[in-house]
C-alpha atoms as a PDB file:
ATOM      1  CA  MET A   1      93.558 193.742 110.484  1.00  0.00           C
ATOM      2  CA  ILE A   2      93.035 191.758 107.320  1.00  0.00           C
ATOM      3  CA  SER A   3      95.602 189.212 106.376  1.00  0.00           C
ATOM      4  CA  LYS A   4      96.182 187.980 102.912  1.00  0.00           C
ATOM      5  CA  ASP A   5      96.737 184.257 102.678  1.00  0.00           C
ATOM      6  CA  ALA A   6      98.248 183.459  99.372  1.00  0.00           C
ATOM      7  CA  GLY A   7      97.899 179.776  98.620  1.00  0.00           C
ATOM      8  CA  SER A   8      97.009 177.469  95.868  1.00  0.00           C
ATOM      9  CA  SER A   9      93.809 175.628  96.617  1.00  0.00           C
ATOM     10  CA  PRO A  10      94.295 172.893  93.971  1.00  0.00           C
ATOM     11  CA  ILE A  11      97.784 172.096  95.249  1.00  0.00           C
ATOM     12  CA  GLU A  12      96.566 171.968  98.842  1.00  0.00           C
ATOM     13  CA  THR A  13      93.671 169.723  97.818  1.00  0.00           C
ATOM     14  CA  VAL A  14      95.965 167.329  95.976  1.00  0.00           C
ATOM     15  CA  ALA A  15      98.368 167.219  98.913  1.00  0.00           C
ATOM     16  CA  LEU A  16      95.526 166.531 101.357  1.00  0.00           C
ATOM     17  CA  LEU A  17      94.057 163.787  99.155  1.00  0.00           C
ATOM     18  CA  ALA A  18      97.473 162.183  98.764  1.00  0.00           C
ATOM     19  CA  MET A  19      97.925 162.085 102.535  1.00  0.00           C
ATOM     20  CA  LEU A  20      94.448 160.625 103.022  1.00  0.00           C
ATOM     21  CA  LEU A  21      94.717 158.022 100.253  1.00  0.00           C
ATOM     22  CA  LEU A  22      98.297 156.940 100.945  1.00  0.00           C
ATOM     23  CA  PRO A  23      97.351 154.334 103.598  1.00  0.00           C
ATOM     24  CA  ILE A  24      94.861 152.671 101.233  1.00  0.00           C
ATOM     25  CA  ALA A  25      97.490 151.011  99.000  1.00  0.00           C
ATOM     26  CA  PRO A  26      99.079 148.896 101.784  1.00  0.00           C
ATOM     27  CA  ALA A  27      95.618 147.951 103.062  1.00  0.00           C
ATOM     28  CA  VAL A  28      94.554 146.771  99.601  1.00  0.00           C
ATOM     29  CA  MET A  29      97.768 144.751  99.214  1.00  0.00           C
ATOM     30  CA  LEU A  30      97.246 143.178 102.646  1.00  0.00           C
ATOM     31  CA  PHE A  31      93.672 142.280 101.728  1.00  0.00           C
ATOM     32  CA  ALA A  32      94.851 140.651  98.485  1.00  0.00           C
ATOM     33  CA  HIS A  33      97.477 138.590 100.332  1.00  0.00           C
ATOM     34  CA  LEU A  34      94.995 137.485 102.998  1.00  0.00           C
ATOM     35  CA  SER A  35      92.478 136.566 100.322  1.00  0.00           C
ATOM     36  CA  ASP A  36      95.094 134.445  98.520  1.00  0.00           C
ATOM     37  CA  ALA A  37      96.078 132.752 101.788  1.00  0.00           C
ATOM     38  CA  MET A  38      92.473 131.914 102.655  1.00  0.00           C
ATOM     39  CA  ALA A  39      91.859 130.595  99.140  1.00  0.00           C
ATOM     40  CA  ALA A  40      94.996 128.424  99.180  1.00  0.00           C
ATOM     41  CA  GLU A  41      94.137 126.917 102.593  1.00  0.00           C
ATOM     42  CA  SER A  42      90.548 126.230 101.611  1.00  0.00           C
ATOM     43  CA  ILE A  43      91.423 124.758  98.220  1.00  0.00           C
ATOM     44  CA  ALA A  44      94.134 122.499  99.674  1.00  0.00           C
ATOM     45  CA  ARG A  45      91.975 121.230 102.539  1.00  0.00           C
ATOM     46  CA  HIS A  46      88.849 120.545 100.507  1.00  0.00           C
ATOM     47  CA  SER A  47      90.642 119.151  97.452  1.00  0.00           C
ATOM     48  CA  LEU A  48      92.655 116.572  99.368  1.00  0.00           C
ATOM     49  CA  ARG A  49      89.604 115.608 101.405  1.00  0.00           C
ATOM     50  CA  ALA A  50      87.498 115.204  98.252  1.00  0.00           C
ATOM     51  CA  GLY A  51      90.230 113.197  96.529  1.00  0.00           C
ATOM     52  CA  ILE A  52      90.584 110.775  99.429  1.00  0.00           C
ATOM     53  CA  LEU A  53      86.849 110.346  99.994  1.00  0.00           C
ATOM     54  CA  GLN A  54      86.049 109.768  96.309  1.00  0.00           C
ATOM     55  CA  ALA A  55      88.964 107.454  95.511  1.00  0.00           C
ATOM     56  CA  SER A  56      88.541 103.696  95.587  1.00  0.00           C
ATOM     57  CA  ALA A  57      92.348 103.257  95.469  1.00  0.00           C
ATOM     58  CA  MET A  58      95.213 105.494  96.593  1.00  0.00           C
ATOM     59  CA  THR A  59      96.420 105.806  92.994  1.00  0.00           C
ATOM     60  CA  GLU A  60      93.209 107.683  92.085  1.00  0.00           C
ATOM     61  CA  VAL A  61      93.650 110.386  94.735  1.00  0.00           C
ATOM     62  CA  GLU A  62      96.018 112.536  92.665  1.00  0.00           C
ATOM     63  CA  GLY A  63      93.649 112.876  89.695  1.00  0.00           C
ATOM     64  CA  LEU A  64      90.594 113.462  91.846  1.00  0.00           C
ATOM     65  CA  ALA A  65      92.417 116.048  93.962  1.00  0.00           C
ATOM     66  CA  ALA A  66      93.649 117.823  90.805  1.00  0.00           C
ATOM     67  CA  ASP A  67      90.077 118.038  89.496  1.00  0.00           C
ATOM     68  CA  ALA A  68      88.905 119.407  92.834  1.00  0.00           C
ATOM     69  CA  VAL A  69      91.719 122.008  92.859  1.00  0.00           C
ATOM     70  CA  GLN A  70      90.627 123.308  89.457  1.00  0.00           C
ATOM     71  CA  ARG A  71      86.938 123.398  90.442  1.00  0.00           C
ATOM     72  CA  LEU A  72      87.618 125.191  93.721  1.00  0.00           C
ATOM     73  CA  ALA A  73      90.086 127.637  92.154  1.00  0.00           C
ATOM     74  CA  ALA A  74      87.392 128.560  89.643  1.00  0.00           C
ATOM     75  CA  SER A  75      84.871 129.077  92.443  1.00  0.00           C
ATOM     76  CA  TRP A  76      87.357 131.359  94.268  1.00  0.00           C
ATOM     77  CA  GLN A  77      88.077 133.057  90.914  1.00  0.00           C
ATOM     78  CA  LYS A  78      91.812 132.713  91.506  1.00  0.00           C
ATOM     79  CA  PRO A  79      94.511 130.849  89.569  1.00  0.00           C
ATOM     80  CA  ALA A  80      95.996 127.984  91.572  1.00  0.00           C
ATOM     81  CA  GLN A  81      98.936 125.645  91.008  1.00  0.00           C
ATOM     82  CA  HIS A  82      99.297 122.408  92.917  1.00  0.00           C
ATOM     83  CA  THR A  83     101.637 119.480  93.487  1.00  0.00           C
ATOM     84  CA  PHE A  84     100.721 116.101  94.930  1.00  0.00           C
ATOM     85  CA  ALA A  85     102.967 113.511  96.540  1.00  0.00           C
ATOM     86  CA  CYS A  86     102.393 110.370  98.530  1.00  0.00           C
ATOM     87  CA  ASP A  87     104.830 108.132 100.373  1.00  0.00           C
ATOM     88  CA  PRO A  88     103.989 105.314  99.968  1.00  0.00           C
ATOM     89  CA  CYS A  89     101.001 105.537  97.624  1.00  0.00           C
ATOM     90  CA  GLU A  90      99.009 102.870  99.418  1.00  0.00           C
ATOM     91  CA  ALA A  91      96.605 102.611 102.323  1.00  0.00           C
ATOM     92  CA  GLY A  92      98.240 104.006 105.445  1.00  0.00           C
ATOM     93  CA  GLY A  93     100.664 106.235 103.514  1.00  0.00           C
ATOM     94  CA  LEU A  94     100.823 110.014 103.709  1.00  0.00           C
ATOM     95  CA  ALA A  95      99.300 112.109 100.936  1.00  0.00           C
ATOM     96  CA  VAL A  96     100.636 115.677 100.617  1.00  0.00           C
ATOM     97  CA  LEU A  97      98.913 118.347  98.552  1.00  0.00           C
ATOM     98  CA  LYS A  98     100.578 121.743  98.097  1.00  0.00           C
ATOM     99  CA  VAL A  99      98.473 124.540  96.632  1.00  0.00           C
ATOM    100  CA  GLN A 100      99.839 127.939  95.625  1.00  0.00           C
ATOM    101  CA  VAL A 101      97.579 130.922  95.023  1.00  0.00           C
ATOM    102  CA  GLY A 102      99.526 134.080  94.255  1.00  0.00           C
ATOM    103  CA  ASN A 103     102.312 134.218  96.856  1.00  0.00           C
ATOM    104  CA  ALA A 104     100.380 132.128  99.377  1.00  0.00           C
ATOM    105  CA  LEU A 105     101.293 128.456  99.805  1.00  0.00           C
ATOM    106  CA  ALA A 106      99.137 125.937 101.673  1.00  0.00           C
ATOM    107  CA  ILE A 107     100.187 122.378 102.502  1.00  0.00           C
ATOM    108  CA  GLN A 108      97.624 119.755 103.439  1.00  0.00           C
ATOM    109  CA  VAL A 109      98.640 116.284 104.636  1.00  0.00           C
ATOM    110  CA  ALA A 110      96.391 113.259 105.144  1.00  0.00           C
END
C-alpha cells in the first residue's frame, strides 16, 4: 500500500527552523546583560581603585576615577555613565562610584 503524503517542504522547513532558533534570542539577550554586568563591576572596581591610588588628595579622586572609567569603558567597547560622591571628601571618608553600562549598575565604595 502506497500512501500519498501531501505536504509543503518549505513550510515544514521554516517551521522547524523557527522552533530550533527560537531559544537563541533569549540566550543572546542574557549574554548581553551578563556582559554589561561584568563590564560595570570591573569598570567600577578598577576605576575607583585607580583614582584612590593615583590621587595625592581626596579632591583629585573624582577626576582620576572619571578618566579611568572612560579608559576602561573604551577597552570593554561599551558606553558607560558614572557618578561619584564622597562624604566627607577627606582622608577617612567614604568614596562611592556608581557605574552604569546598559541596564547594569555597579556600585563600588572605598
